[in-house]
Amino acid sequence: MNRNLIFLSIALVTWGVGEGMFFLFQPLYLQELGASPIQIGAILGMVGIAMSAAHLPAGYLSNRIGRRPLLVTAWMIGTAAIWVMALANTLPAYVAGSVFYGLTAFVAGPLNGYTTAVRGKMSVGQALTLVSAFYNMGAILGPLLGGWIAGLMGLRGSFFFAGGITILSTLVITQIRAQPVEKTLPTVDARPPRRWLTPRYALFLGIVGLAVFVMYLPQPLTVNFLQNEQQVNIRWIGVLIAARSLGVVLLNLTLGRKNARYAYLVTQAVVGLFVLLIWRGSGMLYYLAGYLLLGAYQTSRSLAAAQGRALVEDHEMNIAYGLIETVSALAMILAPPLAGMLYAQNPTWVYTASLAGIGLSLLVSAFFMPLKAKEVL
């Protein structure tokens, strides 16, 4: 394995531990701070806005200054934001830290580009799912620690421990080396600028946006549903979140080796099974199975990036990845407020809406996802 890929993987494992200790517990902590389901949905939508705002600038800057500076900056911003959340005593202060943390989502494009460039003999799909698997190895341990600490000290205590771990992760990420900055080809053989932003590529982005929206819709308030409606305690919720990360690892390592287009369809169907198990299940075995299957959501994000990579040339990769992440983030802006409104009316409505949407998304993806001869496997 390439030296840079080793350091990147270590940084992602440790970041997965730190982020896993608090990230998916946030709806519960917002509830503790006095937010209603509709307010929680609106706040998570605000975080989604922050997540979407920096993707395209990050793709542009990757082509100008390289990917390493953006990776290091994202790690530093993320660590500072975690400490803001840990030290916050009020809902507005916490929301400010959470939105600040959302800005670090711009790391996705440069991270995918950096990984693609150092993948060696691996396919793009294998490399992206492998790196995601390393992050989620850490994210298996993080929620277990976070749930355990929350049971002893309250949810706020988890943020302090997470902030310490992400400092370590930031030190590791500084050890990766810079890559040559890829320039748009200046010769007569170069394609016209933005030629890849065609109706065909726009269709691809629309399909990805729809899939992310319907798969993400049930996720923001499921921990609240389990705690409030099914009386699952905080430590068991930590176990469930860890099961999700284990599912990401297993599904990345299996589906990442398959044809990206067809594996993408499988991941959507698997997330549909998660929705069904949470909605109709009754007991921890059902919920554990559901959260294990929820790992397919993250796998689908890597597979979407792999398919998008197959539709562009090398010098277009950074902005192409940034566009995919921007569209995904836009879907994640819209989903939480809708989830909050549905939950406030009836906690189960969010699951019925998601199942119907996933069915539609599967049909659209199967019949309209663009193909290319250079299909990434």
Protein backbone atom coordinates (compact mmCIF):
# COMPACT_ATOMS: atom_id res chain seq x y z
CA MET A 1 0.00 0.00 0.00
CA ASN A 2 1.23 3.50 -0.86
CA ARG A 3 2.83 5.40 2.08
CA ASN A 4 0.39 8.29 1.76
CA LEU A 5 -2.55 5.90 1.69
CA ILE A 6 -1.30 4.35 4.95
CA PHE A 7 -1.16 7.71 6.77
CA LEU A 8 -4.51 8.71 5.26
CA SER A 9 -6.05 5.47 6.49
CA ILE A 10 -4.67 5.94 10.02
CA ALA A 11 -6.00 9.50 10.11
CA LEU A 12 -9.42 8.27 8.97
CA VAL A 13 -9.53 5.45 11.53
CA THR A 14 -8.78 7.85 14.40
CA TRP A 15 -11.17 10.46 13.04
CA GLY A 16 -13.83 7.77 12.80
CA VAL A 17 -13.39 7.04 16.51
CA GLY A 18 -13.68 10.72 17.47
CA GLU A 19 -16.56 11.59 15.17
CA GLY A 20 -18.38 8.37 16.01
CA MET A 21 -18.46 9.37 19.67
CA PHE A 22 -20.85 12.26 19.02
CA PHE A 23 -22.00 12.74 15.43
CA LEU A 24 -25.03 10.46 15.20
CA PHE A 25 -25.97 11.24 18.81
CA GLN A 26 -26.55 14.89 17.90
CA PRO A 27 -30.35 14.69 17.46
CA LEU A 28 -30.60 13.32 21.01
CA TYR A 29 -28.35 16.07 22.37
CA LEU A 30 -30.39 18.71 20.54
CA GLN A 31 -33.48 17.22 22.20
CA GLU A 32 -31.74 17.52 25.59
CA LEU A 33 -31.02 21.18 24.83
CA GLY A 34 -34.74 21.78 24.28
CA ALA A 35 -35.19 21.46 20.50
CA SER A 36 -38.47 20.03 19.15
CA PRO A 37 -38.53 17.50 16.25
CA ILE A 38 -39.27 20.30 13.77
CA GLN A 39 -36.44 22.41 15.21
CA ILE A 40 -34.07 19.43 15.09
CA GLY A 41 -34.93 18.94 11.43
CA ALA A 42 -34.38 22.63 10.70
CA ILE A 43 -31.05 22.67 12.55
CA LEU A 44 -29.81 19.60 10.67
CA GLY A 45 -30.93 21.30 7.46
CA MET A 46 -28.77 24.29 8.40
CA VAL A 47 -25.85 21.94 8.87
CA GLY A 48 -26.62 20.55 5.43
CA ILE A 49 -26.40 24.07 3.97
CA ALA A 50 -22.95 24.46 5.52
CA MET A 51 -21.98 21.06 4.12
CA SER A 52 -23.00 22.03 0.60
CA ALA A 53 -21.52 25.52 0.58
CA ALA A 54 -17.85 24.60 0.32
CA HIS A 55 -17.79 21.60 -2.04
CA LEU A 56 -17.40 23.43 -5.35
CA PRO A 57 -14.88 25.98 -3.99
CA ALA A 58 -12.91 23.02 -2.60
CA GLY A 59 -12.91 21.35 -6.01
CA TYR A 60 -11.72 24.59 -7.60
CA LEU A 61 -8.99 25.10 -4.99
CA SER A 62 -7.83 21.49 -5.41
CA ASN A 63 -6.97 22.37 -8.99
CA ARG A 64 -5.08 25.49 -7.85
CA ILE A 65 -3.23 24.62 -4.63
CA GLY A 66 -3.53 20.84 -4.46
CA ARG A 67 -5.49 18.48 -2.26
CA ARG A 68 -3.22 18.15 0.80
CA PRO A 69 -3.74 21.73 2.10
CA LEU A 70 -7.51 21.23 1.93
CA LEU A 71 -7.35 17.90 3.78
CA VAL A 72 -5.24 19.35 6.58
CA THR A 73 -7.48 22.44 6.81
CA ALA A 74 -10.63 20.30 7.06
CA TRP A 75 -9.12 18.26 9.91
CA MET A 76 -8.18 21.44 11.80
CA ILE A 77 -11.59 23.09 11.31
CA GLY A 78 -13.37 19.91 12.39
CA THR A 79 -11.34 19.63 15.60
CA ALA A 80 -11.99 23.29 16.49
CA ALA A 81 -15.73 22.85 15.84
CA ILE A 82 -15.93 19.82 18.13
CA TRP A 83 -14.43 21.88 20.95
CA VAL A 84 -16.94 24.67 20.30
CA MET A 85 -19.76 22.11 20.67
CA ALA A 86 -18.18 20.61 23.78
CA LEU A 87 -17.88 23.99 25.50
CA ALA A 88 -21.34 25.26 24.45
CA ASN A 89 -23.84 25.74 27.28
CA THR A 90 -26.83 26.85 25.19
CA LEU A 91 -28.67 25.65 22.10
CA PRO A 92 -27.60 28.62 19.89
CA ALA A 93 -23.93 28.17 20.83
CA TYR A 94 -24.10 24.44 20.13
CA VAL A 95 -25.84 25.02 16.78
CA ALA A 96 -23.07 27.44 15.80
CA GLY A 97 -20.47 24.76 16.48
CA SER A 98 -22.48 22.13 14.63
CA VAL A 99 -22.86 24.34 11.55
CA PHE A 100 -19.14 25.13 11.75
CA TYR A 101 -18.45 21.40 11.78
CA GLY A 102 -20.68 20.97 8.73
CA LEU A 103 -18.26 23.10 6.72
CA THR A 104 -15.70 20.30 6.94
CA ALA A 105 -17.78 18.27 4.49
CA PHE A 106 -15.78 19.99 1.74
CA VAL A 107 -13.10 17.41 2.51
CA ALA A 108 -15.02 14.74 0.57
CA GLY A 109 -14.03 15.90 -2.91
CA PRO A 110 -10.31 16.41 -2.19
CA LEU A 111 -10.28 13.17 -0.17
CA ASN A 112 -11.77 11.20 -3.06
CA GLY A 113 -9.36 12.86 -5.48
CA TYR A 114 -6.33 12.20 -3.26
CA THR A 115 -7.36 8.58 -2.77
CA THR A 116 -7.92 8.09 -6.49
CA ALA A 117 -4.46 9.47 -7.27
CA VAL A 118 -2.65 7.12 -4.83
CA ARG A 119 -4.76 4.00 -5.44
CA GLY A 120 -2.08 2.13 -7.36
CA LYS A 121 -3.52 -0.91 -9.15
CA MET A 122 -6.89 -0.76 -7.41
CA SER A 123 -9.96 0.38 -9.31
CA VAL A 124 -11.53 3.68 -8.29
CA GLY A 125 -14.47 1.87 -6.70
CA GLN A 126 -12.17 -0.42 -4.70
CA ALA A 127 -9.99 2.47 -3.51
CA LEU A 128 -12.86 4.72 -2.42
CA THR A 129 -14.72 1.97 -0.62
CA LEU A 130 -11.49 0.76 1.03
CA VAL A 131 -10.72 4.21 2.45
CA SER A 132 -14.32 4.57 3.61
CA ALA A 133 -13.97 1.17 5.30
CA PHE A 134 -10.93 2.40 7.28
CA TYR A 135 -12.89 5.41 8.55
CA ASN A 136 -15.75 3.16 9.58
CA MET A 137 -13.45 0.76 11.42
CA GLY A 138 -12.84 3.66 13.78
CA ALA A 139 -16.50 4.59 13.69
CA ILE A 140 -17.36 1.13 15.06
CA LEU A 141 -15.47 1.86 18.29
CA GLY A 142 -16.50 5.54 18.53
CA PRO A 143 -20.24 5.07 19.17
CA LEU A 144 -19.58 2.29 21.69
CA LEU A 145 -17.30 4.64 23.63
CA GLY A 146 -19.67 7.56 23.12
CA GLY A 147 -22.69 5.63 24.40
CA TRP A 148 -20.74 4.33 27.38
CA ILE A 149 -19.41 7.80 28.30
CA ALA A 150 -22.86 9.32 27.79
CA GLY A 151 -24.31 6.75 30.19
CA LEU A 152 -21.77 7.81 32.83
CA MET A 153 -21.33 11.54 32.22
CA GLY A 154 -24.11 12.58 29.85
CA LEU A 155 -23.86 13.19 26.12
CA ARG A 156 -21.81 16.36 26.58
CA GLY A 157 -18.92 14.37 28.01
CA SER A 158 -18.50 12.51 24.73
CA PHE A 159 -17.62 15.74 22.92
CA PHE A 160 -14.63 16.39 25.18
CA PHE A 161 -13.19 12.94 24.58
CA ALA A 162 -13.90 13.22 20.84
CA GLY A 163 -12.03 16.53 20.67
CA GLY A 164 -8.91 14.94 22.17
CA ILE A 165 -8.95 12.05 19.70
CA THR A 166 -9.40 14.32 16.67
CA ILE A 167 -6.34 16.34 17.72
CA LEU A 168 -4.35 13.10 17.33
CA SER A 169 -5.96 12.45 13.96
CA THR A 170 -5.02 15.95 12.78
CA LEU A 171 -1.38 15.33 13.66
CA VAL A 172 -1.44 12.15 11.54
CA ILE A 173 -3.01 13.78 8.46
CA THR A 174 -0.19 16.33 8.34
CA GLN A 175 2.16 13.43 7.47
CA ILE A 176 0.69 12.85 4.01
CA ARG A 177 2.68 14.29 1.10
CA ALA A 178 1.49 16.79 -1.47
CA GLN A 179 0.51 15.63 -4.95
CA PRO A 180 1.26 17.44 -8.20
CA VAL A 181 -1.48 19.93 -9.04
CA GLU A 182 -3.43 18.67 -12.03
CA LYS A 183 -3.92 21.33 -14.69
CA THR A 184 -6.53 21.43 -17.41
CA LEU A 185 -4.82 20.35 -20.63
CA PRO A 186 -3.72 23.44 -22.61
CA THR A 187 -3.04 21.73 -25.95
CA VAL A 188 -5.19 21.60 -29.05
CA ASP A 189 -6.33 18.16 -27.94
CA ALA A 190 -7.86 19.58 -24.76
CA ARG A 191 -11.63 19.46 -24.47
CA PRO A 192 -13.55 22.74 -24.11
CA PRO A 193 -13.93 23.82 -20.46
CA ARG A 194 -16.92 22.28 -18.64
CA ARG A 195 -17.72 20.04 -21.63
CA TRP A 196 -18.58 17.28 -19.14
CA LEU A 197 -21.38 19.35 -17.60
CA THR A 198 -23.76 17.97 -20.22
CA PRO A 199 -27.41 16.90 -19.92
CA ARG A 200 -26.06 13.37 -19.47
CA TYR A 201 -23.95 14.35 -16.49
CA ALA A 202 -26.74 16.53 -15.11
CA LEU A 203 -29.04 13.48 -15.28
CA PHE A 204 -26.49 11.50 -13.30
CA LEU A 205 -26.36 14.22 -10.62
CA GLY A 206 -30.16 14.31 -10.42
CA ILE A 207 -30.35 10.55 -9.91
CA VAL A 208 -27.73 10.73 -7.15
CA GLY A 209 -29.57 13.61 -5.47
CA LEU A 210 -32.85 11.71 -5.44
CA ALA A 211 -31.21 8.57 -4.04
CA VAL A 212 -29.42 10.47 -1.26
CA PHE A 213 -32.60 12.33 -0.31
CA VAL A 214 -34.82 9.25 0.10
CA MET A 215 -32.11 7.17 1.80
CA TYR A 216 -31.19 9.96 4.23
CA LEU A 217 -34.79 10.95 5.04
CA PRO A 218 -35.36 8.38 7.84
CA GLN A 219 -31.91 8.74 9.41
CA PRO A 220 -31.83 12.08 11.32
CA LEU A 221 -34.60 11.25 13.80
CA THR A 222 -34.33 7.46 14.03
CA VAL A 223 -32.29 7.70 17.26
CA ASN A 224 -35.07 9.88 18.70
CA PHE A 225 -37.67 7.38 17.51
CA LEU A 226 -35.83 4.52 19.19
CA GLN A 227 -35.34 6.40 22.46
CA ASN A 228 -38.74 8.10 22.64
CA GLU A 229 -41.05 5.53 21.07
CA GLN A 230 -39.23 2.22 21.62
CA GLN A 231 -37.50 3.06 24.95
CA VAL A 232 -34.01 2.09 23.78
CA ASN A 233 -31.41 3.50 26.21
CA ILE A 234 -28.38 5.57 25.20
CA ARG A 235 -25.82 2.78 25.56
CA TRP A 236 -27.78 0.50 23.25
CA ILE A 237 -28.12 3.35 20.78
CA GLY A 238 -24.32 3.52 20.79
CA VAL A 239 -24.23 -0.19 19.96
CA LEU A 240 -26.67 0.36 17.08
CA ILE A 241 -24.59 3.21 15.65
CA ALA A 242 -21.49 1.00 15.90
CA ALA A 243 -23.37 -1.72 13.99
CA ARG A 244 -23.99 0.81 11.21
CA SER A 245 -20.25 1.43 10.89
CA LEU A 246 -19.55 -2.31 10.90
CA GLY A 247 -22.07 -2.61 8.09
CA VAL A 248 -20.20 0.06 6.10
CA VAL A 249 -16.95 -1.90 6.44
CA LEU A 250 -18.51 -5.21 5.41
CA LEU A 251 -20.52 -3.76 2.54
CA ASN A 252 -17.63 -1.62 1.27
CA LEU A 253 -15.31 -4.61 1.16
CA THR A 254 -17.89 -6.77 -0.65
CA LEU A 255 -19.82 -4.40 -2.91
CA GLY A 256 -16.73 -2.28 -3.59
CA ARG A 257 -15.39 -5.14 -5.72
CA LYS A 258 -18.52 -5.32 -7.85
CA ASN A 259 -19.63 -3.32 -10.85
CA ALA A 260 -20.29 0.16 -9.41
CA ARG A 261 -23.54 0.71 -11.29
CA TYR A 262 -25.24 -2.51 -10.20
CA ALA A 263 -23.84 -2.39 -6.68
CA TYR A 264 -25.36 1.09 -6.38
CA LEU A 265 -28.81 -0.39 -6.96
CA VAL A 266 -28.16 -3.04 -4.32
CA THR A 267 -27.23 -0.42 -1.71
CA GLN A 268 -30.52 1.42 -2.20
CA ALA A 269 -32.52 -1.79 -1.75
CA VAL A 270 -30.52 -2.63 1.39
CA VAL A 271 -31.25 0.80 2.92
CA GLY A 272 -34.91 0.07 2.19
CA LEU A 273 -34.60 -3.05 4.36
CA PHE A 274 -33.18 -0.88 7.16
CA VAL A 275 -36.25 1.36 6.95
CA LEU A 276 -38.58 -1.63 7.07
CA LEU A 277 -36.82 -3.20 10.08
CA ILE A 278 -36.90 0.01 12.12
CA TRP A 279 -40.51 0.73 11.21
CA ARG A 280 -41.98 -2.76 11.66
CA GLY A 281 -39.41 -4.43 13.92
CA SER A 282 -39.90 -4.89 17.64
CA GLY A 283 -36.75 -5.59 19.59
CA MET A 284 -33.00 -5.12 19.56
CA LEU A 285 -32.32 -7.94 17.09
CA TYR A 286 -34.43 -6.16 14.47
CA TYR A 287 -32.78 -2.82 15.19
CA LEU A 288 -29.27 -4.31 15.12
CA ALA A 289 -29.96 -5.95 11.78
CA GLY A 290 -31.40 -2.70 10.48
CA TYR A 291 -28.42 -0.59 11.51
CA LEU A 292 -26.01 -3.15 10.10
CA LEU A 293 -27.81 -2.79 6.76
CA LEU A 294 -27.81 1.01 7.04
CA GLY A 295 -24.10 0.84 6.28
CA ALA A 296 -25.20 0.53 2.65
CA TYR A 297 -25.99 4.27 2.66
CA GLN A 298 -22.34 5.21 3.03
CA THR A 299 -21.30 2.54 0.56
CA SER A 300 -23.72 4.06 -1.95
CA ARG A 301 -21.95 7.43 -1.61
CA SER A 302 -18.60 5.88 -2.56
CA LEU A 303 -20.17 3.96 -5.45
CA ALA A 304 -21.83 7.14 -6.73
CA ALA A 305 -18.43 8.87 -6.72
CA ALA A 306 -16.91 5.94 -8.61
CA GLN A 307 -19.59 6.16 -11.29
CA GLY A 308 -19.16 9.92 -11.58
CA ARG A 309 -15.40 9.43 -11.98
CA ALA A 310 -16.06 7.13 -14.94
CA LEU A 311 -17.88 9.93 -16.75
CA VAL A 312 -15.05 12.52 -16.71
CA GLU A 313 -11.39 12.86 -17.62
CA ASP A 314 -8.51 12.96 -15.12
CA HIS A 315 -8.14 16.76 -15.13
CA GLU A 316 -11.87 17.17 -14.44
CA MET A 317 -11.90 14.85 -11.42
CA ASN A 318 -11.68 17.39 -8.57
CA ILE A 319 -14.62 19.53 -9.65
CA ALA A 320 -16.63 16.46 -10.69
CA TYR A 321 -16.28 14.99 -7.20
CA GLY A 322 -17.17 18.39 -5.74
CA LEU A 323 -20.37 18.52 -7.79
CA ILE A 324 -21.42 15.05 -6.64
CA GLU A 325 -20.90 16.03 -3.02
CA THR A 326 -22.72 19.34 -3.51
CA VAL A 327 -25.79 17.61 -4.94
CA SER A 328 -25.70 15.06 -2.11
CA ALA A 329 -25.42 17.83 0.47
CA LEU A 330 -28.35 19.69 -1.09
CA ALA A 331 -30.44 16.55 -0.70
CA MET A 332 -29.33 16.40 2.94
CA ILE A 333 -30.48 20.00 3.44
CA LEU A 334 -34.02 19.17 2.34
CA ALA A 335 -34.45 15.79 4.03
CA PRO A 336 -34.13 16.71 7.77
CA PRO A 337 -36.81 19.47 7.82
CA LEU A 338 -39.24 17.16 6.03
CA ALA A 339 -38.35 14.37 8.47
CA GLY A 340 -39.00 16.73 11.40
CA MET A 341 -42.43 17.72 10.07
CA LEU A 342 -43.41 14.10 9.40
CA TYR A 343 -42.16 12.99 12.82
CA ALA A 344 -44.12 15.76 14.57
CA GLN A 345 -47.33 14.53 12.90
CA ASN A 346 -46.67 10.81 13.31
CA PRO A 347 -43.24 9.28 14.07
CA THR A 348 -43.82 6.40 11.64
CA TRP A 349 -44.70 8.54 8.62
CA VAL A 350 -41.04 9.25 7.89
CA TYR A 351 -40.48 5.53 7.27
CA THR A 352 -43.42 5.05 4.93
CA ALA A 353 -42.36 8.12 2.95
CA SER A 354 -38.79 6.87 2.72
CA LEU A 355 -39.81 3.40 1.53
CA ALA A 356 -41.96 4.87 -1.22
CA GLY A 357 -39.13 7.18 -2.25
CA ILE A 358 -36.56 4.38 -2.34
CA GLY A 359 -38.84 2.37 -4.60
CA LEU A 360 -39.04 5.32 -7.00
CA SER A 361 -35.29 5.93 -6.79
CA LEU A 362 -34.52 2.30 -7.62
CA LEU A 363 -36.61 2.49 -10.77
CA VAL A 364 -35.06 5.78 -11.85
CA SER A 365 -31.51 4.54 -11.17
CA ALA A 366 -32.07 1.24 -12.98
CA PHE A 367 -33.47 2.79 -16.16
CA PHE A 368 -31.77 6.18 -16.42
CA MET A 369 -28.31 5.98 -14.81
CA PRO A 370 -25.85 6.95 -17.59
CA LEU A 371 -23.44 4.33 -18.93
CA LYS A 372 -19.98 4.75 -20.39
CA ALA A 373 -17.67 2.33 -22.15
CA LYS A 374 -15.03 3.13 -19.55
CA GLU A 375 -17.31 1.82 -16.79
CA VAL A 376 -15.46 1.69 -13.44
CA LEU A 377 -15.57 -1.70 -11.77
